[in-house]
Amino acid sequence: MEIYMIRSFFQYLGAKKTNLYFYPDIVSANKIHLNDYWIKNVHGLYYPNKESQSIVIVCHGNAGSVYNRRHLSAAINDMGHSCYLLEYPGFGKTHQQTISEEQIIKSALTAIKHWDRKYQNLILYGESIGCTIATKLASIYSFPKIILQSGPCSISDMIYHFTSVPLLGYVEYCFNSEENIKELKGEPKIYILHSKTDEIVPYEQSLKLSELLRASGKTNSLIKIKGSHNAPRIPWGRIL
């Protein structure tokens, strides 16, 4: 009975597409930031490198906002690339009550089409739960390079890891890299980064994803990094 109730609870929340997985920071629309960049109704932060013909599009994690990711854009700029920190609907200046994968993907595709007209190369960078967004986008659009940092193989896999409760229904299929990689477009270079001391998302999640990619004929590089989930040490020179 207890397992059934837990499963039903997660299925209900998933079906309602509530903020089960997300802890966004909300920022006033009146607050001006030098790097604010709107593409129709999609918000993000744009850090250009005028010498580069490539841009790294960052799909962030489940908490905070793009304003907490300046360290990523700085490192990416230092490696000679432009950077766009995509903001999910419901985060930062994009105010709405609920957050769903469908809404995030819709916003991301709007941004991708915009940047594809301005840059020769688009690189995807997924951070934590943003890895599942990145793989979903890569199942729709072809990218030359995909970087997946400290991400779960799927949300349902993470829930099972902590509760031993298998899930069915909406929660099982949303935010799911395991399903997304079955439809991966093109032959991208794939780098998977994860620390064995990650205290939030187990390293085994990335190991599983790497093995699933290889089983589907997609080569990838699984790189063991140091640090914690929120303070990873990224070997930028190896991936960019």
Protein backbone atom coordinates (compact mmCIF):
# COMPACT_ATOMS: atom_id res chain seq x y z
CA MET A 1 0.00 0.00 0.00
CA GLU A 2 2.82 2.42 0.88
CA ILE A 3 4.61 1.86 -2.45
CA TYR A 4 1.33 2.33 -4.33
CA MET A 5 0.66 5.62 -2.53
CA ILE A 6 4.17 6.96 -3.26
CA ARG A 7 3.88 5.96 -6.92
CA SER A 8 0.45 7.58 -7.19
CA PHE A 9 1.72 10.75 -5.55
CA PHE A 10 4.56 11.20 -8.05
CA GLN A 11 2.29 10.31 -10.96
CA TYR A 12 -0.25 12.89 -9.85
CA LEU A 13 2.35 15.63 -9.54
CA GLY A 14 3.89 14.70 -12.87
CA ALA A 15 0.55 14.67 -14.65
CA LYS A 16 -0.22 18.12 -13.25
CA LYS A 17 3.20 19.31 -14.45
CA THR A 18 3.83 21.12 -11.19
CA ASN A 19 7.20 22.34 -9.94
CA LEU A 20 8.05 18.95 -8.48
CA TYR A 21 11.69 19.08 -9.55
CA PHE A 22 12.35 22.82 -9.68
CA TYR A 23 13.34 25.56 -7.22
CA PRO A 24 13.53 28.71 -9.33
CA ASP A 25 14.70 32.16 -8.32
CA ILE A 26 12.27 34.82 -9.54
CA VAL A 27 13.76 38.10 -10.76
CA SER A 28 11.85 41.33 -11.29
CA ALA A 29 11.26 42.12 -14.95
CA ASN A 30 12.24 45.71 -14.12
CA LYS A 31 15.74 44.69 -13.08
CA ILE A 32 18.13 45.54 -15.90
CA HIS A 33 21.15 43.34 -16.65
CA LEU A 34 23.70 44.27 -19.28
CA ASN A 35 23.56 40.79 -20.85
CA ASP A 36 19.78 40.33 -20.86
CA TYR A 37 18.74 38.95 -24.23
CA TRP A 38 15.17 38.38 -25.34
CA ILE A 39 14.21 36.25 -28.35
CA LYS A 40 10.48 36.92 -28.68
CA ASN A 41 9.23 35.86 -25.23
CA VAL A 42 12.29 33.71 -24.43
CA HIS A 43 14.79 35.19 -21.99
CA GLY A 44 18.42 34.41 -21.44
CA LEU A 45 21.83 35.98 -20.87
CA TYR A 46 24.09 36.43 -23.89
CA TYR A 47 27.86 36.72 -23.53
CA PRO A 48 29.34 37.15 -27.01
CA ASN A 49 32.88 36.47 -28.14
CA LYS A 50 33.25 38.57 -31.27
CA GLU A 51 36.08 36.39 -32.57
CA SER A 52 34.05 33.18 -32.46
CA GLN A 53 31.72 31.48 -34.92
CA SER A 54 30.48 29.05 -32.26
CA ILE A 55 28.10 29.52 -29.37
CA VAL A 56 27.52 27.30 -26.35
CA ILE A 57 23.87 27.11 -25.32
CA VAL A 58 23.60 26.22 -21.63
CA CYS A 59 20.61 24.29 -20.27
CA HIS A 60 20.83 24.96 -16.53
CA GLY A 61 19.93 22.89 -13.50
CA ASN A 62 16.76 22.80 -11.42
CA ALA A 63 17.42 25.70 -9.05
CA GLY A 64 18.31 29.37 -9.07
CA SER A 65 18.30 31.19 -12.41
CA VAL A 66 20.61 32.12 -15.26
CA TYR A 67 21.92 34.92 -13.06
CA ASN A 68 23.62 32.27 -10.89
CA ARG A 69 25.58 30.85 -13.85
CA ARG A 70 28.06 33.63 -14.62
CA HIS A 71 30.92 31.22 -13.82
CA LEU A 72 29.86 29.04 -16.77
CA SER A 73 29.68 31.87 -19.26
CA ALA A 74 33.03 33.25 -18.08
CA ALA A 75 34.76 29.89 -18.56
CA ILE A 76 33.14 29.40 -21.96
CA ASN A 77 34.19 32.89 -23.08
CA ASP A 78 37.73 32.18 -21.88
CA MET A 79 37.77 29.12 -24.16
CA GLY A 80 37.00 31.35 -27.13
CA HIS A 81 33.25 30.73 -27.54
CA SER A 82 30.17 32.87 -27.20
CA CYS A 83 27.67 31.74 -24.56
CA TYR A 84 23.90 31.89 -24.19
CA LEU A 85 22.41 30.95 -20.83
CA LEU A 86 18.90 29.79 -21.67
CA GLU A 87 16.30 30.63 -19.04
CA TYR A 88 13.47 28.14 -18.50
CA PRO A 89 9.85 29.36 -18.36
CA GLY A 90 9.08 29.89 -14.68
CA PHE A 91 12.63 30.98 -13.80
CA GLY A 92 14.18 34.42 -13.45
CA LYS A 93 12.35 36.98 -15.55
CA THR A 94 10.14 34.43 -17.32
CA HIS A 95 7.27 34.46 -14.84
CA GLN A 96 4.65 31.70 -14.84
CA GLN A 97 3.11 29.34 -12.33
CA THR A 98 4.10 25.94 -13.68
CA ILE A 99 7.22 24.49 -15.26
CA SER A 100 7.14 21.61 -17.73
CA GLU A 101 9.48 19.90 -20.14
CA GLU A 102 7.18 20.81 -23.03
CA GLN A 103 7.40 24.54 -22.24
CA ILE A 104 11.16 24.42 -21.76
CA ILE A 105 11.71 22.64 -25.08
CA LYS A 106 9.46 25.09 -26.90
CA SER A 107 11.47 28.04 -25.55
CA ALA A 108 14.78 26.31 -26.25
CA LEU A 109 13.89 25.60 -29.88
CA THR A 110 12.96 29.25 -30.39
CA ALA A 111 16.41 30.23 -29.10
CA ILE A 112 18.21 27.55 -31.12
CA LYS A 113 16.62 28.64 -34.40
CA HIS A 114 17.65 32.21 -33.64
CA TRP A 115 21.28 31.37 -32.90
CA ASP A 116 21.53 28.96 -35.82
CA ARG A 117 21.11 31.96 -38.13
CA LYS A 118 23.94 33.85 -36.44
CA TYR A 119 26.58 31.18 -35.69
CA GLN A 120 28.18 28.39 -37.69
CA ASN A 121 28.37 25.98 -34.75
CA LEU A 122 25.93 25.45 -31.90
CA ILE A 123 27.20 23.47 -28.91
CA LEU A 124 24.83 22.16 -26.24
CA TYR A 125 25.80 22.17 -22.57
CA GLY A 126 23.52 20.46 -20.06
CA GLU A 127 23.95 20.99 -16.32
CA SER A 128 22.31 18.52 -13.89
CA ILE A 129 18.64 18.16 -14.90
CA GLY A 130 19.55 20.34 -17.89
CA CYS A 131 21.24 17.23 -19.33
CA THR A 132 17.80 15.73 -19.96
CA ILE A 133 16.77 18.97 -21.71
CA ALA A 134 19.94 18.85 -23.82
CA THR A 135 19.35 15.26 -24.93
CA LYS A 136 15.73 16.05 -25.75
CA LEU A 137 16.85 18.95 -27.93
CA ALA A 138 19.48 16.72 -29.55
CA SER A 139 16.72 14.27 -30.49
CA ILE A 140 15.06 17.09 -32.46
CA TYR A 141 17.99 19.14 -33.74
CA SER A 142 21.49 18.13 -34.86
CA PHE A 143 24.46 19.51 -32.89
CA PRO A 144 28.17 18.92 -33.54
CA LYS A 145 28.96 18.66 -29.82
CA ILE A 146 26.99 17.90 -26.66
CA ILE A 147 28.36 18.26 -23.12
CA LEU A 148 26.45 16.62 -20.27
CA GLN A 149 27.58 17.56 -16.78
CA SER A 150 26.46 15.82 -13.57
CA GLY A 151 23.07 14.82 -14.95
CA PRO A 152 20.56 12.09 -14.13
CA CYS A 153 19.84 9.42 -16.69
CA SER A 154 16.18 10.20 -16.05
CA ILE A 155 14.02 11.69 -13.32
CA SER A 156 12.19 8.40 -12.83
CA ASP A 157 15.57 6.66 -12.44
CA MET A 158 16.56 9.15 -9.75
CA ILE A 159 13.27 8.69 -7.90
CA TYR A 160 13.72 4.92 -8.06
CA HIS A 161 17.31 5.28 -6.78
CA PHE A 162 16.13 7.08 -3.63
CA THR A 163 12.76 5.37 -3.04
CA SER A 164 12.96 1.97 -4.82
CA VAL A 165 9.57 2.83 -6.32
CA PRO A 166 9.21 2.20 -10.09
CA LEU A 167 7.06 4.85 -11.80
CA LEU A 168 4.67 4.66 -14.71
CA GLY A 169 2.90 7.42 -16.62
CA TYR A 170 3.94 11.00 -17.26
CA VAL A 171 6.81 11.09 -14.74
CA GLU A 172 8.36 8.04 -16.38
CA TYR A 173 8.71 9.72 -19.76
CA CYS A 174 9.53 13.37 -19.01
CA PHE A 175 13.10 14.54 -18.42
CA ASN A 176 14.40 11.22 -19.65
CA SER A 177 17.78 11.03 -21.42
CA GLU A 178 17.49 7.25 -21.65
CA GLU A 179 14.54 7.69 -24.03
CA ASN A 180 15.90 10.79 -25.75
CA ILE A 181 19.16 9.22 -26.93
CA LYS A 182 17.21 6.64 -28.95
CA GLU A 183 16.35 9.48 -31.37
CA LEU A 184 19.64 11.39 -31.24
CA LYS A 185 20.27 13.33 -34.46
CA GLY A 186 23.53 13.22 -36.39
CA GLU A 187 26.90 12.10 -35.03
CA PRO A 188 27.72 14.60 -32.28
CA LYS A 189 30.82 14.50 -30.12
CA ILE A 190 29.45 13.68 -26.69
CA TYR A 191 31.25 14.43 -23.45
CA ILE A 192 29.80 13.21 -20.16
CA LEU A 193 31.26 14.73 -17.01
CA HIS A 194 30.58 13.49 -13.51
CA SER A 195 32.25 13.41 -10.12
CA LYS A 196 32.32 10.24 -8.05
CA THR A 197 31.83 12.45 -5.00
CA ASP A 198 28.63 14.03 -6.37
CA GLU A 199 26.32 14.04 -3.35
CA ILE A 200 23.09 14.70 -5.29
CA VAL A 201 23.18 12.81 -8.59
CA PRO A 202 25.12 9.54 -8.31
CA TYR A 203 28.05 9.02 -10.70
CA GLU A 204 26.40 5.76 -11.76
CA GLN A 205 23.72 7.78 -13.57
CA SER A 206 26.30 9.09 -16.05
CA LEU A 207 27.96 5.68 -16.28
CA LYS A 208 24.61 4.18 -17.25
CA LEU A 209 23.98 6.89 -19.85
CA SER A 210 27.43 6.37 -21.36
CA GLU A 211 26.82 2.63 -21.66
CA LEU A 212 23.38 3.18 -23.20
CA LEU A 213 24.87 5.56 -25.76
CA ARG A 214 27.52 3.03 -26.73
CA ALA A 215 24.89 0.28 -27.00
CA SER A 216 22.98 2.49 -29.44
CA GLY A 217 26.10 3.07 -31.54
CA LYS A 218 26.90 6.57 -30.24
CA THR A 219 30.49 7.04 -29.14
CA ASN A 220 31.09 9.26 -26.13
CA SER A 221 33.75 10.23 -23.64
CA LEU A 222 32.94 9.70 -19.97
CA ILE A 223 35.22 11.97 -17.97
CA LYS A 224 35.56 11.58 -14.21
CA ILE A 225 35.87 14.99 -12.62
CA LYS A 226 36.44 16.16 -9.07
CA GLY A 227 34.31 18.31 -6.82
CA SER A 228 30.72 18.27 -5.59
CA HIS A 229 27.47 18.51 -7.54
CA ASN A 230 27.26 22.29 -7.21
CA ALA A 231 31.00 22.94 -7.33
CA PRO A 232 32.40 20.62 -10.00
CA ARG A 233 35.87 21.10 -11.42
CA ILE A 234 35.30 21.24 -15.17
CA PRO A 235 38.26 20.38 -17.46
CA TRP A 236 37.33 23.06 -20.00
CA GLY A 237 40.40 22.45 -22.13
CA ARG A 238 39.37 18.83 -22.75
CA ILE A 239 35.80 19.54 -23.82
CA LEU A 240 35.96 22.89 -25.63
